[in-house]
Amino acid sequence: MTIENAELTTEQVLRRDIPWETYMTTKLITGAGLQLLRRYDKKAESYKTQLLDDDGPAYVSVFVTVLQDIFKEETVEYVLALIDEMLTANPRRAKLFHDNSFANEDTYEPFLRLLWKGNWFIQEKSCKILSVIVSARPNVQNGVDANGDAASSKRKLTTAEDVLRGLVEWLCAQLRKPSHPTCSIPAAINCLATLLKEPIVRSSFVQADGVKLLVPLIIPASTQQSIQLLYETCLCIWLLSYYEPAIEYLATSRALP
């Protein structure tokens, strides 16, 4: 991983021009997909809002299709940046990924795969997007889709449970051996502070021996960034206190003093 890629910003990535026509020529996107991308790409925020309000699931579908079928790093970064921009502007758009039209499509899989691929920009954006869309899923029962398992046995789709376990595995890996020297740990803790509200995440995190990875982060903070990290780490520990096996570990660690 180059430092250049490590320090990429969404704004820098979105300034690129992606040769969508070339992808249509090589049949990696359809004519309809090209039309949607051309209509959306490089447009004003207000215009994109209107397109998403009118036809959101179609745009989500074309973004996910690009991530499934195209592996060129610059294009993957670009589409992740588009999705991140879309969800940052309005987090409620995460519900678009759960539209009924996706009953037979796997909208989680590309992001879960990209967690372990490529550079820090790709990994971090995939984690952020996955966390937002899995948290917005309908019919949550005990942290799993109401009919997730039944559905997956027929279609072998990635379930919410798969996603949450995969995220915990990746987050623990970042806390143990960061991909990025300064960004990995704050990003992982920020994500955990959201996901540990889910009972299945608490149990997966404890099973992965993740609790001990939090303890070293509870240190006196001086800078704004370290204060934020300390606050979010304490929030993670508070959320874990609702889970009995985590309490047992925390009681014998140096977390409480």
Protein backbone atom coordinates (compact mmCIF):
# COMPACT_ATOMS: atom_id res chain seq x y z
CA MET A 1 0.00 0.00 0.00
CA THR A 2 1.38 3.39 -0.94
CA ILE A 3 1.13 6.36 1.37
CA GLU A 4 -0.51 8.22 -1.52
CA ASN A 5 -3.40 5.75 -1.44
CA ALA A 6 -3.44 5.75 2.35
CA GLU A 7 -4.00 9.51 2.43
CA LEU A 8 -6.55 9.71 -0.39
CA THR A 9 -9.66 11.76 0.36
CA THR A 10 -13.15 11.28 -1.02
CA GLU A 11 -12.94 14.69 -2.69
CA GLN A 12 -9.71 13.76 -4.51
CA VAL A 13 -11.17 10.47 -5.73
CA LEU A 14 -14.38 12.11 -6.98
CA ARG A 15 -12.37 14.48 -9.17
CA ARG A 16 -11.38 11.54 -11.39
CA ASP A 17 -12.95 10.86 -14.76
CA ILE A 18 -13.94 7.22 -15.08
CA PRO A 19 -14.19 5.82 -18.65
CA TRP A 20 -17.70 4.33 -18.24
CA GLU A 21 -18.13 3.89 -22.03
CA THR A 22 -15.11 1.56 -22.11
CA TYR A 23 -16.73 -0.66 -19.48
CA MET A 24 -19.89 -0.85 -21.58
CA THR A 25 -17.87 -1.76 -24.69
CA THR A 26 -16.28 -4.63 -22.77
CA LYS A 27 -19.74 -5.62 -21.45
CA LEU A 28 -18.80 -5.00 -17.78
CA ILE A 29 -21.77 -2.62 -17.51
CA THR A 30 -25.00 -2.56 -19.53
CA GLY A 31 -26.31 0.25 -21.69
CA ALA A 32 -28.93 1.01 -19.02
CA GLY A 33 -26.19 1.05 -16.37
CA LEU A 34 -24.11 3.46 -18.45
CA GLN A 35 -27.11 5.76 -18.85
CA LEU A 36 -27.70 5.85 -15.08
CA LEU A 37 -24.02 6.48 -14.32
CA ARG A 38 -23.77 9.29 -16.88
CA ARG A 39 -26.96 10.89 -15.52
CA TYR A 40 -25.62 10.83 -11.94
CA ASP A 41 -21.86 11.28 -12.24
CA LYS A 42 -20.37 14.79 -11.70
CA LYS A 43 -23.80 16.36 -11.12
CA ALA A 44 -24.85 18.88 -8.46
CA GLU A 45 -25.89 17.57 -5.04
CA SER A 46 -29.48 18.82 -5.46
CA TYR A 47 -29.81 17.05 -8.82
CA LYS A 48 -28.39 13.79 -7.40
CA THR A 49 -30.84 14.04 -4.48
CA GLN A 50 -33.72 14.25 -6.97
CA LEU A 51 -32.42 11.20 -8.91
CA LEU A 52 -32.09 9.16 -5.69
CA ASP A 53 -35.55 10.22 -4.52
CA ASP A 54 -37.06 9.20 -7.87
CA ASP A 55 -35.10 6.02 -8.60
CA GLY A 56 -32.76 5.24 -5.68
CA PRO A 57 -32.74 1.42 -5.92
CA ALA A 58 -31.69 1.58 -9.60
CA TYR A 59 -28.64 3.68 -8.71
CA VAL A 60 -27.73 1.43 -5.78
CA SER A 61 -28.04 -1.58 -8.11
CA VAL A 62 -25.65 -0.12 -10.69
CA PHE A 63 -23.11 0.88 -8.00
CA VAL A 64 -23.17 -2.62 -6.48
CA THR A 65 -22.89 -4.22 -9.93
CA VAL A 66 -19.76 -2.17 -10.70
CA LEU A 67 -18.20 -3.30 -7.39
CA GLN A 68 -19.06 -6.94 -8.19
CA ASP A 69 -17.75 -6.98 -11.75
CA ILE A 70 -14.98 -4.37 -12.05
CA PHE A 71 -11.70 -4.79 -10.19
CA LYS A 72 -9.69 -1.76 -11.37
CA GLU A 73 -8.62 -0.04 -8.14
CA GLU A 74 -9.31 3.55 -9.31
CA THR A 75 -12.87 2.64 -10.34
CA VAL A 76 -13.57 0.69 -7.13
CA GLU A 77 -12.35 3.69 -5.08
CA TYR A 78 -14.54 6.00 -7.16
CA VAL A 79 -17.76 4.03 -6.68
CA LEU A 80 -17.08 3.59 -2.95
CA ALA A 81 -16.59 7.38 -2.75
CA LEU A 82 -19.91 7.94 -4.57
CA ILE A 83 -21.73 5.64 -2.13
CA ASP A 84 -20.00 7.19 0.89
CA GLU A 85 -20.95 10.67 -0.32
CA MET A 86 -24.55 9.57 -0.87
CA LEU A 87 -24.88 8.03 2.62
CA THR A 88 -23.02 10.86 4.40
CA ALA A 89 -25.41 13.41 2.86
CA ASN A 90 -28.41 11.39 4.06
CA PRO A 91 -27.86 8.21 6.17
CA ARG A 92 -31.52 7.23 5.64
CA ARG A 93 -30.56 6.29 2.09
CA ALA A 94 -29.05 3.10 3.56
CA LYS A 95 -32.61 1.72 3.39
CA LEU A 96 -32.27 1.74 -0.42
CA PHE A 97 -29.90 -1.24 -0.12
CA HIS A 98 -32.77 -3.24 1.42
CA ASP A 99 -35.33 -2.46 -1.27
CA ASN A 100 -37.59 -5.39 -2.21
CA SER A 101 -36.12 -5.34 -5.73
CA PHE A 102 -32.88 -6.75 -4.23
CA ALA A 103 -34.52 -9.93 -2.90
CA ASN A 104 -32.27 -12.06 -5.14
CA GLU A 105 -29.22 -9.77 -5.19
CA ASP A 106 -26.35 -9.78 -2.72
CA THR A 107 -25.86 -6.12 -1.78
CA TYR A 108 -23.51 -6.94 1.13
CA GLU A 109 -20.99 -9.24 -0.56
CA PRO A 110 -18.85 -6.72 -2.53
CA PHE A 111 -18.22 -4.58 0.56
CA LEU A 112 -17.44 -7.60 2.75
CA ARG A 113 -14.91 -8.85 0.16
CA LEU A 114 -13.32 -5.40 -0.23
CA LEU A 115 -12.65 -5.18 3.53
CA TRP A 116 -9.67 -7.45 2.92
CA LYS A 117 -8.59 -6.11 -0.48
CA GLY A 118 -6.58 -3.22 -1.74
CA ASN A 119 -5.51 -0.11 0.08
CA TRP A 120 -6.69 1.63 3.23
CA PHE A 121 -9.13 3.91 1.34
CA ILE A 122 -11.00 0.87 -0.05
CA GLN A 123 -10.99 -0.96 3.29
CA GLU A 124 -12.10 2.04 5.36
CA LYS A 125 -14.89 3.04 2.98
CA SER A 126 -16.14 -0.57 2.75
CA CYS A 127 -16.25 -0.81 6.55
CA LYS A 128 -18.07 2.50 6.92
CA ILE A 129 -20.64 1.71 4.20
CA LEU A 130 -21.27 -1.84 5.47
CA SER A 131 -21.79 -0.62 9.03
CA VAL A 132 -24.37 1.93 7.89
CA ILE A 133 -26.32 -0.37 5.57
CA VAL A 134 -26.38 -3.40 7.90
CA SER A 135 -27.58 -1.16 10.76
CA ALA A 136 -30.45 0.06 8.54
CA ARG A 137 -31.77 -3.41 7.72
CA PRO A 138 -35.47 -4.09 8.40
CA ASN A 139 -36.90 -6.73 10.77
CA VAL A 140 -34.01 -7.01 13.18
CA GLN A 141 -34.49 -9.87 15.63
CA ASN A 142 -31.67 -10.65 18.03
CA GLY A 143 -29.24 -9.00 15.67
CA VAL A 144 -30.14 -11.22 12.70
CA ASP A 145 -32.56 -10.71 9.81
CA ALA A 146 -35.96 -12.07 10.69
CA ASN A 147 -35.77 -14.61 7.87
CA GLY A 148 -32.09 -14.22 7.00
CA ASP A 149 -31.06 -17.81 7.56
CA ALA A 150 -34.01 -19.32 5.73
CA ALA A 151 -33.42 -17.02 2.79
CA SER A 152 -29.69 -17.68 2.65
CA SER A 153 -30.09 -21.44 2.57
CA LYS A 154 -32.06 -21.13 -0.67
CA ARG A 155 -30.04 -18.42 -2.37
CA LYS A 156 -26.70 -18.47 -0.57
CA LEU A 157 -26.87 -14.71 -0.08
CA THR A 158 -24.71 -12.97 2.48
CA THR A 159 -26.85 -12.54 5.61
CA ALA A 160 -26.71 -9.74 8.16
CA GLU A 161 -25.15 -12.26 10.55
CA ASP A 162 -22.35 -12.97 8.01
CA VAL A 163 -21.74 -9.24 7.67
CA LEU A 164 -21.61 -8.56 11.41
CA ARG A 165 -19.25 -11.47 12.04
CA GLY A 166 -17.08 -10.41 9.09
CA LEU A 167 -16.94 -6.84 10.36
CA VAL A 168 -15.94 -7.96 13.86
CA GLU A 169 -13.18 -10.13 12.39
CA TRP A 170 -11.84 -7.21 10.34
CA LEU A 171 -12.12 -4.70 13.21
CA CYS A 172 -10.22 -7.00 15.58
CA ALA A 173 -7.55 -7.50 12.89
CA GLN A 174 -7.19 -3.69 12.64
CA LEU A 175 -6.83 -3.33 16.41
CA ARG A 176 -4.17 -6.09 16.47
CA LYS A 177 -2.22 -5.13 13.36
CA PRO A 178 -3.37 -1.82 11.84
CA SER A 179 -3.37 -1.45 8.03
CA HIS A 180 -2.81 2.28 8.47
CA PRO A 181 -0.47 3.72 11.12
CA THR A 182 -2.75 6.51 12.34
CA CYS A 183 -6.24 5.85 10.96
CA SER A 184 -6.96 2.14 11.55
CA ILE A 185 -7.55 2.20 15.31
CA PRO A 186 -9.77 5.32 15.44
CA ALA A 187 -11.81 4.00 12.49
CA ALA A 188 -12.21 0.56 14.10
CA ILE A 189 -13.29 1.99 17.46
CA ASN A 190 -15.70 4.42 15.81
CA CYS A 191 -17.31 1.53 13.97
CA LEU A 192 -17.45 -0.70 17.07
CA ALA A 193 -19.13 2.08 19.07
CA THR A 194 -22.03 1.79 16.61
CA LEU A 195 -22.07 -1.98 16.06
CA LEU A 196 -21.78 -3.11 19.69
CA LYS A 197 -25.43 -2.13 20.13
CA GLU A 198 -26.13 -5.47 18.38
CA PRO A 199 -26.17 -8.54 20.68
CA ILE A 200 -24.55 -10.74 18.00
CA VAL A 201 -21.66 -8.27 17.69
CA ARG A 202 -21.05 -8.36 21.45
CA SER A 203 -20.85 -12.16 21.46
CA SER A 204 -18.67 -12.28 18.30
CA PHE A 205 -16.34 -9.62 19.73
CA VAL A 206 -15.88 -11.53 22.99
CA GLN A 207 -15.37 -14.83 21.12
CA ALA A 208 -12.69 -13.12 18.98
CA ASP A 209 -10.90 -12.12 22.22
CA GLY A 210 -11.48 -8.49 21.29
CA VAL A 211 -12.14 -7.09 24.78
CA LYS A 212 -8.45 -7.10 25.70
CA LEU A 213 -7.73 -5.00 22.61
CA LEU A 214 -9.78 -2.13 24.07
CA VAL A 215 -8.03 -1.97 27.45
CA PRO A 216 -4.73 -0.36 26.23
CA LEU A 217 -6.76 2.44 24.59
CA ILE A 218 -8.11 3.69 27.95
CA ILE A 219 -5.31 6.13 28.65
CA PRO A 220 -5.29 9.83 29.65
CA ALA A 221 -6.04 11.88 26.54
CA SER A 222 -4.62 15.26 25.60
CA THR A 223 -5.35 15.98 21.94
CA GLN A 224 -8.85 16.32 20.48
CA GLN A 225 -8.36 13.10 18.47
CA SER A 226 -7.22 11.11 21.50
CA ILE A 227 -10.12 12.47 23.60
CA GLN A 228 -12.54 11.28 20.90
CA LEU A 229 -10.84 7.85 20.82
CA LEU A 230 -11.02 7.58 24.62
CA TYR A 231 -14.69 8.57 24.63
CA GLU A 232 -15.60 6.01 21.94
CA THR A 233 -13.54 3.26 23.64
CA CYS A 234 -15.38 3.91 26.92
CA LEU A 235 -18.67 3.78 24.99
CA CYS A 236 -17.64 0.36 23.59
CA ILE A 237 -16.88 -0.91 27.10
CA TRP A 238 -20.20 0.43 28.39
CA LEU A 239 -22.05 -1.38 25.56
CA LEU A 240 -20.13 -4.59 26.37
CA SER A 241 -21.23 -4.30 30.00
CA TYR A 242 -24.67 -5.52 28.86
CA TYR A 243 -23.12 -8.90 27.97
CA GLU A 244 -22.25 -11.25 30.85
CA PRO A 245 -19.08 -12.92 29.41
CA ALA A 246 -17.64 -9.46 28.65
CA ILE A 247 -18.28 -8.32 32.23
CA GLU A 248 -16.31 -11.29 33.55
CA TYR A 249 -13.31 -10.33 31.40
CA LEU A 250 -13.54 -6.61 32.21
CA ALA A 251 -13.74 -7.33 35.94
CA THR A 252 -10.34 -9.07 35.86
CA SER A 253 -8.70 -6.55 33.48
CA ARG A 254 -7.26 -3.16 34.34
CA ALA A 255 -10.08 -1.45 32.43
CA LEU A 256 -12.15 -0.40 35.45
CA PRO A 257 -9.39 1.27 37.55
